[in-house]
Amino acid sequence: MTELVLTVAGDHAAAAARLLTDHTPLRAVARTVPADAPGLVAAVRALDADAVFLTGADRVATRTAQLALAGELAVFTAEDTLAIALTAAVQVALSRRGRTPADARVLVAAPSTLPLVIPVLLAAGTADIMLWHPADAAAFPLAQLARDVDVVVDLSGRHEPGPRPAVVAPGDPVAPLLALPGLLQGGPRTGDPQAHPDVHAACARALAGLTPVDRLLPELADPDLASRVAGAVAAARS
């Protein structure tokens, strides 16, 4: 299995690396790197790694670094894997309400926080997506709009959970790690992962299929996690 280097501007990569090493087939190590895009690119190149996971830095900086390094090694960001996890959670929440992405309405609050989630939701078959921006709050209160949807993907942290609609939000530190073992099981691949939202959507479907009845996402320690995601990735790329 590929060794994964987690690069981080903060201090939470060590815990993530331990989780991945202890509970998945990956061998993961954490390295602290600069948070700015030029420093991030230079530091990653100096690592001589086959695969890296960029987390902890500004989204724009990690995306800039991902594009700069795309032809040299496999580079995934927290934006990639969080978009996968949130899409999986949406599918699970819809299924429990007897809905499918094709016949449901999903509201994404503050989409600029995680732009990739929109193309991944679309690639997963979500037919009706509403967008809400914090600047719209005065004219269009989020709670009011949420009454007419099936799931809220709350990237703003402003929506109060209730019995309806279902609310999916970031915050679980394990969620961005779930797809990584499967994404790398077949070996590192160069190129821009975000150019293929269909692959992200396939990963999301695999995660949704492994989710226990009392959760919105599977356990990181699920023994089938890596192989199921890897199979979905291979099928999407074929």
C-alpha atoms as a PDB file:
ATOM      1  CA  MET A   1       0.000   0.000   0.000  1.00  0.00           C
ATOM      2  CA  THR A   2       1.220   3.505  -0.846  1.00  0.00           C
ATOM      3  CA  GLU A   3       2.672   5.647   1.921  1.00  0.00           C
ATOM      4  CA  LEU A   4       0.600   8.797   2.282  1.00  0.00           C
ATOM      5  CA  VAL A   5       2.180  12.011   3.525  1.00  0.00           C
ATOM      6  CA  LEU A   6      -0.274  14.368   5.215  1.00  0.00           C
ATOM      7  CA  THR A   7       0.879  17.952   4.875  1.00  0.00           C
ATOM      8  CA  VAL A   8      -0.604  20.468   7.220  1.00  0.00           C
ATOM      9  CA  ALA A   9      -0.317  24.064   8.298  1.00  0.00           C
ATOM     10  CA  GLY A  10      -1.911  23.383  11.682  1.00  0.00           C
ATOM     11  CA  ASP A  11      -1.389  20.631  14.238  1.00  0.00           C
ATOM     12  CA  HIS A  12      -4.092  18.039  13.545  1.00  0.00           C
ATOM     13  CA  ALA A  13      -2.326  16.024  10.823  1.00  0.00           C
ATOM     14  CA  ALA A  14      -0.506  13.813  13.329  1.00  0.00           C
ATOM     15  CA  ALA A  15      -3.799  12.586  14.771  1.00  0.00           C
ATOM     16  CA  ALA A  16      -5.184  11.982  11.280  1.00  0.00           C
ATOM     17  CA  ALA A  17      -2.053  10.063  10.282  1.00  0.00           C
ATOM     18  CA  ARG A  18      -2.363   7.846  13.355  1.00  0.00           C
ATOM     19  CA  LEU A  19      -6.015   7.132  12.588  1.00  0.00           C
ATOM     20  CA  LEU A  20      -5.229   6.158   8.999  1.00  0.00           C
ATOM     21  CA  THR A  21      -2.260   3.983   9.978  1.00  0.00           C
ATOM     22  CA  ASP A  22      -4.092   2.282  12.852  1.00  0.00           C
ATOM     23  CA  HIS A  23      -7.414   1.640  11.118  1.00  0.00           C
ATOM     24  CA  THR A  24      -6.727   1.368   7.367  1.00  0.00           C
ATOM     25  CA  PRO A  25      -4.185  -0.278   5.038  1.00  0.00           C
ATOM     26  CA  LEU A  26      -2.450   3.074   4.516  1.00  0.00           C
ATOM     27  CA  ARG A  27       0.885   3.970   6.044  1.00  0.00           C
ATOM     28  CA  ALA A  28       0.470   7.658   6.804  1.00  0.00           C
ATOM     29  CA  VAL A  29       2.958  10.179   8.158  1.00  0.00           C
ATOM     30  CA  ALA A  30       2.424  13.838   9.018  1.00  0.00           C
ATOM     31  CA  ARG A  31       4.670  16.695   7.966  1.00  0.00           C
ATOM     32  CA  THR A  32       4.249  20.371   8.819  1.00  0.00           C
ATOM     33  CA  VAL A  33       4.582  22.677   5.813  1.00  0.00           C
ATOM     34  CA  PRO A  34       4.052  26.385   5.093  1.00  0.00           C
ATOM     35  CA  ALA A  35       0.478  27.545   4.614  1.00  0.00           C
ATOM     36  CA  ASP A  36       1.066  29.797   1.595  1.00  0.00           C
ATOM     37  CA  ALA A  37       0.800  28.268  -1.873  1.00  0.00           C
ATOM     38  CA  PRO A  38       4.427  28.824  -3.045  1.00  0.00           C
ATOM     39  CA  GLY A  39       5.830  27.535   0.235  1.00  0.00           C
ATOM     40  CA  LEU A  40       3.428  24.608   0.180  1.00  0.00           C
ATOM     41  CA  VAL A  41       4.461  23.580  -3.337  1.00  0.00           C
ATOM     42  CA  ALA A  42       8.170  23.834  -2.539  1.00  0.00           C
ATOM     43  CA  ALA A  43       7.791  21.873   0.697  1.00  0.00           C
ATOM     44  CA  VAL A  44       5.806  19.071  -0.946  1.00  0.00           C
ATOM     45  CA  ARG A  45       8.359  18.740  -3.734  1.00  0.00           C
ATOM     46  CA  ALA A  46      11.098  18.433  -1.127  1.00  0.00           C
ATOM     47  CA  LEU A  47       9.280  15.523   0.540  1.00  0.00           C
ATOM     48  CA  ASP A  48       9.925  13.168  -2.399  1.00  0.00           C
ATOM     49  CA  ALA A  49       6.549  11.548  -1.722  1.00  0.00           C
ATOM     50  CA  ASP A  50       4.352   9.460  -4.021  1.00  0.00           C
ATOM     51  CA  ALA A  51       1.088  10.739  -2.570  1.00  0.00           C
ATOM     52  CA  VAL A  52       0.145  13.661  -0.347  1.00  0.00           C
ATOM     53  CA  PHE A  53      -2.997  14.852   1.384  1.00  0.00           C
ATOM     54  CA  LEU A  54      -3.121  18.628   1.810  1.00  0.00           C
ATOM     55  CA  THR A  55      -5.068  19.774   4.840  1.00  0.00           C
ATOM     56  CA  GLY A  56      -5.061  22.513   7.431  1.00  0.00           C
ATOM     57  CA  ALA A  57      -4.135  25.343   5.073  1.00  0.00           C
ATOM     58  CA  ASP A  58      -6.380  27.820   3.278  1.00  0.00           C
ATOM     59  CA  ARG A  59      -8.549  26.162   0.621  1.00  0.00           C
ATOM     60  CA  VAL A  60      -7.277  28.450  -2.127  1.00  0.00           C
ATOM     61  CA  ALA A  61      -3.661  27.712  -1.185  1.00  0.00           C
ATOM     62  CA  THR A  62      -4.159  23.951  -1.177  1.00  0.00           C
ATOM     63  CA  ARG A  63      -6.036  24.071  -4.474  1.00  0.00           C
ATOM     64  CA  THR A  64      -3.291  26.186  -6.053  1.00  0.00           C
ATOM     65  CA  ALA A  65      -0.686  23.722  -4.816  1.00  0.00           C
ATOM     66  CA  GLN A  66      -2.725  20.759  -6.029  1.00  0.00           C
ATOM     67  CA  LEU A  67      -2.840  22.171  -9.553  1.00  0.00           C
ATOM     68  CA  ALA A  68       0.871  23.026  -9.516  1.00  0.00           C
ATOM     69  CA  LEU A  69       1.805  19.491  -8.430  1.00  0.00           C
ATOM     70  CA  ALA A  70      -0.794  17.566 -10.431  1.00  0.00           C
ATOM     71  CA  GLY A  71       1.645  16.320 -13.058  1.00  0.00           C
ATOM     72  CA  GLU A  72       4.216  15.124 -10.523  1.00  0.00           C
ATOM     73  CA  LEU A  73       2.433  13.044  -7.871  1.00  0.00           C
ATOM     74  CA  ALA A  74      -0.962  12.103  -6.466  1.00  0.00           C
ATOM     75  CA  VAL A  75      -2.308  15.101  -4.558  1.00  0.00           C
ATOM     76  CA  PHE A  76      -5.615  15.079  -2.707  1.00  0.00           C
ATOM     77  CA  THR A  77      -6.963  17.899  -0.590  1.00  0.00           C
ATOM     78  CA  ALA A  78      -9.440  18.092   2.247  1.00  0.00           C
ATOM     79  CA  GLU A  79     -11.781  19.701  -0.292  1.00  0.00           C
ATOM     80  CA  ASP A  80     -11.729  16.510  -2.389  1.00  0.00           C
ATOM     81  CA  THR A  81     -12.401  14.120   0.435  1.00  0.00           C
ATOM     82  CA  LEU A  82     -14.864  16.304   2.353  1.00  0.00           C
ATOM     83  CA  ALA A  83     -16.945  16.798  -0.806  1.00  0.00           C
ATOM     84  CA  ILE A  84     -17.024  13.011  -1.166  1.00  0.00           C
ATOM     85  CA  ALA A  85     -18.054  12.488   2.459  1.00  0.00           C
ATOM     86  CA  LEU A  86     -20.776  15.141   2.412  1.00  0.00           C
ATOM     87  CA  THR A  87     -22.218  13.749  -0.825  1.00  0.00           C
ATOM     88  CA  ALA A  88     -22.285  10.285   0.735  1.00  0.00           C
ATOM     89  CA  ALA A  89     -24.054  11.639   3.818  1.00  0.00           C
ATOM     90  CA  VAL A  90     -26.634  13.354   1.598  1.00  0.00           C
ATOM     91  CA  GLN A  91     -27.343  10.059  -0.158  1.00  0.00           C
ATOM     92  CA  VAL A  92     -27.750   8.237   3.159  1.00  0.00           C
ATOM     93  CA  ALA A  93     -30.047  10.941   4.555  1.00  0.00           C
ATOM     94  CA  LEU A  94     -32.203  10.881   1.426  1.00  0.00           C
ATOM     95  CA  SER A  95     -32.443   7.096   1.383  1.00  0.00           C
ATOM     96  CA  ARG A  96     -33.729   7.067   4.954  1.00  0.00           C
ATOM     97  CA  ARG A  97     -36.484   9.430   3.897  1.00  0.00           C
ATOM     98  CA  GLY A  98     -37.454   7.287   0.941  1.00  0.00           C
ATOM     99  CA  ARG A  99     -35.983   9.736  -1.552  1.00  0.00           C
ATOM    100  CA  THR A 100     -33.291   9.539  -4.206  1.00  0.00           C
ATOM    101  CA  PRO A 101     -30.966  12.267  -5.498  1.00  0.00           C
ATOM    102  CA  ALA A 102     -33.023  12.348  -8.703  1.00  0.00           C
ATOM    103  CA  ASP A 103     -36.291  13.284  -6.973  1.00  0.00           C
ATOM    104  CA  ALA A 104     -35.036  15.334  -4.010  1.00  0.00           C
ATOM    105  CA  ARG A 105     -34.184  18.968  -3.411  1.00  0.00           C
ATOM    106  CA  VAL A 106     -30.877  19.739  -1.712  1.00  0.00           C
ATOM    107  CA  LEU A 107     -29.910  23.155  -0.363  1.00  0.00           C
ATOM    108  CA  VAL A 108     -26.215  24.012  -0.060  1.00  0.00           C
ATOM    109  CA  ALA A 109     -25.550  26.850   2.377  1.00  0.00           C
ATOM    110  CA  ALA A 110     -22.358  28.885   1.780  1.00  0.00           C
ATOM    111  CA  PRO A 111     -21.202  26.915  -1.290  1.00  0.00           C
ATOM    112  CA  SER A 112     -18.114  29.104  -1.748  1.00  0.00           C
ATOM    113  CA  THR A 113     -16.713  27.429   1.373  1.00  0.00           C
ATOM    114  CA  LEU A 114     -16.457  24.120  -0.504  1.00  0.00           C
ATOM    115  CA  PRO A 115     -17.101  24.716  -4.230  1.00  0.00           C
ATOM    116  CA  LEU A 116     -16.312  21.141  -5.245  1.00  0.00           C
ATOM    117  CA  VAL A 117     -19.361  19.791  -3.443  1.00  0.00           C
ATOM    118  CA  ILE A 118     -21.638  21.170  -6.192  1.00  0.00           C
ATOM    119  CA  PRO A 119     -20.137  19.238  -9.156  1.00  0.00           C
ATOM    120  CA  VAL A 120     -19.847  16.125  -6.995  1.00  0.00           C
ATOM    121  CA  LEU A 121     -23.510  16.321  -5.965  1.00  0.00           C
ATOM    122  CA  LEU A 122     -24.450  16.815  -9.618  1.00  0.00           C
ATOM    123  CA  ALA A 123     -22.288  13.881 -10.719  1.00  0.00           C
ATOM    124  CA  ALA A 124     -24.033  11.785  -8.060  1.00  0.00           C
ATOM    125  CA  GLY A 125     -27.360  12.477  -9.761  1.00  0.00           C
ATOM    126  CA  THR A 126     -28.695  15.286  -7.576  1.00  0.00           C
ATOM    127  CA  ALA A 127     -31.220  16.928  -9.865  1.00  0.00           C
ATOM    128  CA  ASP A 128     -32.352  19.926  -7.814  1.00  0.00           C
ATOM    129  CA  ILE A 129     -29.743  21.963  -5.924  1.00  0.00           C
ATOM    130  CA  MET A 130     -30.491  25.314  -4.306  1.00  0.00           C
ATOM    131  CA  LEU A 131     -27.659  27.627  -3.273  1.00  0.00           C
ATOM    132  CA  TRP A 132     -27.815  29.978  -0.296  1.00  0.00           C
ATOM    133  CA  HIS A 133     -25.165  32.591   0.437  1.00  0.00           C
ATOM    134  CA  PRO A 134     -24.754  34.339   3.800  1.00  0.00           C
ATOM    135  CA  ALA A 135     -25.225  37.678   2.033  1.00  0.00           C
ATOM    136  CA  ASP A 136     -28.771  36.536   1.204  1.00  0.00           C
ATOM    137  CA  ALA A 137     -29.735  36.138   4.860  1.00  0.00           C
ATOM    138  CA  ALA A 138     -31.735  39.356   5.234  1.00  0.00           C
ATOM    139  CA  ALA A 139     -33.901  38.829   2.156  1.00  0.00           C
ATOM    140  CA  PHE A 140     -33.965  35.033   2.214  1.00  0.00           C
ATOM    141  CA  PRO A 141     -33.537  33.579   5.719  1.00  0.00           C
ATOM    142  CA  LEU A 142     -31.932  30.153   5.620  1.00  0.00           C
ATOM    143  CA  ALA A 143     -34.495  28.619   7.978  1.00  0.00           C
ATOM    144  CA  GLN A 144     -37.305  29.736   5.692  1.00  0.00           C
ATOM    145  CA  LEU A 145     -35.761  28.276   2.538  1.00  0.00           C
ATOM    146  CA  ALA A 146     -34.890  25.052   4.340  1.00  0.00           C
ATOM    147  CA  ARG A 147     -38.572  24.260   4.907  1.00  0.00           C
ATOM    148  CA  ASP A 148     -38.966  23.318   1.248  1.00  0.00           C
ATOM    149  CA  VAL A 149     -35.965  21.012   0.826  1.00  0.00           C
ATOM    150  CA  ASP A 150     -35.101  17.440   1.770  1.00  0.00           C
ATOM    151  CA  VAL A 151     -31.500  17.960   2.893  1.00  0.00           C
ATOM    152  CA  VAL A 152     -29.438  20.997   3.864  1.00  0.00           C
ATOM    153  CA  VAL A 153     -25.688  20.794   3.313  1.00  0.00           C
ATOM    154  CA  ASP A 154     -24.779  23.413   5.889  1.00  0.00           C
ATOM    155  CA  LEU A 155     -21.306  24.780   5.219  1.00  0.00           C
ATOM    156  CA  SER A 156     -22.217  28.007   7.008  1.00  0.00           C
ATOM    157  CA  GLY A 157     -22.946  26.615  10.457  1.00  0.00           C
ATOM    158  CA  ARG A 158     -26.079  28.755  10.623  1.00  0.00           C
ATOM    159  CA  HIS A 159     -28.897  26.252  10.291  1.00  0.00           C
ATOM    160  CA  GLU A 160     -30.392  24.755  13.436  1.00  0.00           C
ATOM    161  CA  PRO A 161     -30.939  20.998  13.023  1.00  0.00           C
ATOM    162  CA  GLY A 162     -34.510  19.768  13.337  1.00  0.00           C
ATOM    163  CA  PRO A 163     -36.672  16.810  12.352  1.00  0.00           C
ATOM    164  CA  ARG A 164     -36.931  18.152   8.809  1.00  0.00           C
ATOM    165  CA  PRO A 165     -35.034  18.701   6.664  1.00  0.00           C
ATOM    166  CA  ALA A 166     -32.029  16.490   7.306  1.00  0.00           C
ATOM    167  CA  VAL A 167     -28.875  18.507   7.921  1.00  0.00           C
ATOM    168  CA  VAL A 168     -25.454  17.412   6.688  1.00  0.00           C
ATOM    169  CA  ALA A 169     -22.481  19.470   7.847  1.00  0.00           C
ATOM    170  CA  PRO A 170     -18.694  19.258   8.155  1.00  0.00           C
ATOM    171  CA  GLY A 171     -17.191  18.887  11.594  1.00  0.00           C
ATOM    172  CA  ASP A 172     -16.422  15.181  11.959  1.00  0.00           C
ATOM    173  CA  PRO A 173     -12.591  15.003  11.768  1.00  0.00           C
ATOM    174  CA  VAL A 174     -12.751  11.447  10.431  1.00  0.00           C
ATOM    175  CA  ALA A 175     -15.056  12.235   7.496  1.00  0.00           C
ATOM    176  CA  PRO A 176     -12.326  13.696   5.224  1.00  0.00           C
ATOM    177  CA  LEU A 177     -10.201  10.572   5.770  1.00  0.00           C
ATOM    178  CA  LEU A 178     -12.748   7.957   4.704  1.00  0.00           C
ATOM    179  CA  ALA A 179     -12.139   7.932   0.950  1.00  0.00           C
ATOM    180  CA  LEU A 180      -8.334   8.147   1.079  1.00  0.00           C
ATOM    181  CA  PRO A 181      -7.460   4.436   1.484  1.00  0.00           C
ATOM    182  CA  GLY A 182      -9.588   3.481  -1.508  1.00  0.00           C
ATOM    183  CA  LEU A 183      -8.418   6.376  -3.648  1.00  0.00           C
ATOM    184  CA  LEU A 184      -4.826   5.197  -3.206  1.00  0.00           C
ATOM    185  CA  GLN A 185      -5.309   1.430  -3.129  1.00  0.00           C
ATOM    186  CA  GLY A 186      -4.540   1.068  -6.820  1.00  0.00           C
ATOM    187  CA  GLY A 187      -1.380   3.142  -6.493  1.00  0.00           C
ATOM    188  CA  PRO A 188      -0.747   6.865  -6.904  1.00  0.00           C
ATOM    189  CA  ARG A 189      -2.029   8.615 -10.023  1.00  0.00           C
ATOM    190  CA  THR A 190      -0.969  12.003 -11.273  1.00  0.00           C
ATOM    191  CA  GLY A 191      -3.416  14.546 -12.654  1.00  0.00           C
ATOM    192  CA  ASP A 192      -6.042  16.836 -11.189  1.00  0.00           C
ATOM    193  CA  PRO A 193      -8.591  14.823  -9.167  1.00  0.00           C
ATOM    194  CA  GLN A 194     -11.112  17.656  -9.282  1.00  0.00           C
ATOM    195  CA  ALA A 195     -11.324  17.320 -13.061  1.00  0.00           C
ATOM    196  CA  HIS A 196     -13.223  14.067 -12.495  1.00  0.00           C
ATOM    197  CA  PRO A 197     -16.189  14.685 -10.176  1.00  0.00           C
ATOM    198  CA  ASP A 198     -17.678  11.420 -11.429  1.00  0.00           C
ATOM    199  CA  VAL A 199     -14.882   9.597  -9.587  1.00  0.00           C
ATOM    200  CA  HIS A 200     -15.651  11.554  -6.426  1.00  0.00           C
ATOM    201  CA  ALA A 201     -19.336  10.685  -6.835  1.00  0.00           C
ATOM    202  CA  ALA A 202     -18.481   7.000  -7.232  1.00  0.00           C
ATOM    203  CA  CYS A 203     -16.513   7.156  -3.982  1.00  0.00           C
ATOM    204  CA  ALA A 204     -19.501   8.785  -2.296  1.00  0.00           C
ATOM    205  CA  ARG A 205     -21.820   6.000  -3.441  1.00  0.00           C
ATOM    206  CA  ALA A 206     -19.385   3.421  -2.076  1.00  0.00           C
ATOM    207  CA  LEU A 207     -19.267   5.177   1.303  1.00  0.00           C
ATOM    208  CA  ALA A 208     -23.053   5.418   1.410  1.00  0.00           C
ATOM    209  CA  GLY A 209     -23.347   1.699   0.729  1.00  0.00           C
ATOM    210  CA  LEU A 210     -21.152   0.890   3.736  1.00  0.00           C
ATOM    211  CA  THR A 211     -22.888   3.188   6.215  1.00  0.00           C
ATOM    212  CA  PRO A 212     -24.465   1.538   9.291  1.00  0.00           C
ATOM    213  CA  VAL A 213     -28.115   2.231  10.039  1.00  0.00           C
ATOM    214  CA  ASP A 214     -27.312   4.513  12.982  1.00  0.00           C
ATOM    215  CA  ARG A 215     -24.774   6.711  11.188  1.00  0.00           C
ATOM    216  CA  LEU A 216     -24.518   9.054   8.192  1.00  0.00           C
ATOM    217  CA  LEU A 217     -21.066   7.759   7.230  1.00  0.00           C
ATOM    218  CA  PRO A 218     -19.184   4.466   7.613  1.00  0.00           C
ATOM    219  CA  GLU A 219     -16.541   3.712  10.215  1.00  0.00           C
ATOM    220  CA  LEU A 220     -12.921   4.337   9.229  1.00  0.00           C
ATOM    221  CA  ALA A 221     -12.097   0.867  10.577  1.00  0.00           C
ATOM    222  CA  ASP A 222     -14.627  -0.893   8.314  1.00  0.00           C
ATOM    223  CA  PRO A 223     -12.590  -3.740   6.767  1.00  0.00           C
ATOM    224  CA  ASP A 224     -14.340  -3.293   3.417  1.00  0.00           C
ATOM    225  CA  LEU A 225     -13.799   0.466   3.207  1.00  0.00           C
ATOM    226  CA  ALA A 226     -10.645   0.593   1.078  1.00  0.00           C
ATOM    227  CA  SER A 227     -11.632  -2.191  -1.317  1.00  0.00           C
ATOM    228  CA  ARG A 228     -15.163  -0.886  -1.907  1.00  0.00           C
ATOM    229  CA  VAL A 229     -13.983   2.649  -2.626  1.00  0.00           C
ATOM    230  CA  ALA A 230     -11.128   1.357  -4.783  1.00  0.00           C
ATOM    231  CA  GLY A 231     -13.566  -0.741  -6.787  1.00  0.00           C
ATOM    232  CA  ALA A 232     -15.811   2.264  -7.315  1.00  0.00           C
ATOM    233  CA  VAL A 233     -12.848   4.354  -8.444  1.00  0.00           C
ATOM    234  CA  ALA A 234     -11.712   1.687 -10.914  1.00  0.00           C
ATOM    235  CA  ALA A 235     -15.215   1.345 -12.347  1.00  0.00           C
ATOM    236  CA  ALA A 236     -15.584   5.107 -12.756  1.00  0.00           C
ATOM    237  CA  ARG A 237     -12.237   5.387 -14.523  1.00  0.00           C
ATOM    238  CA  SER A 238     -12.810   2.462 -16.902  1.00  0.00           C
END
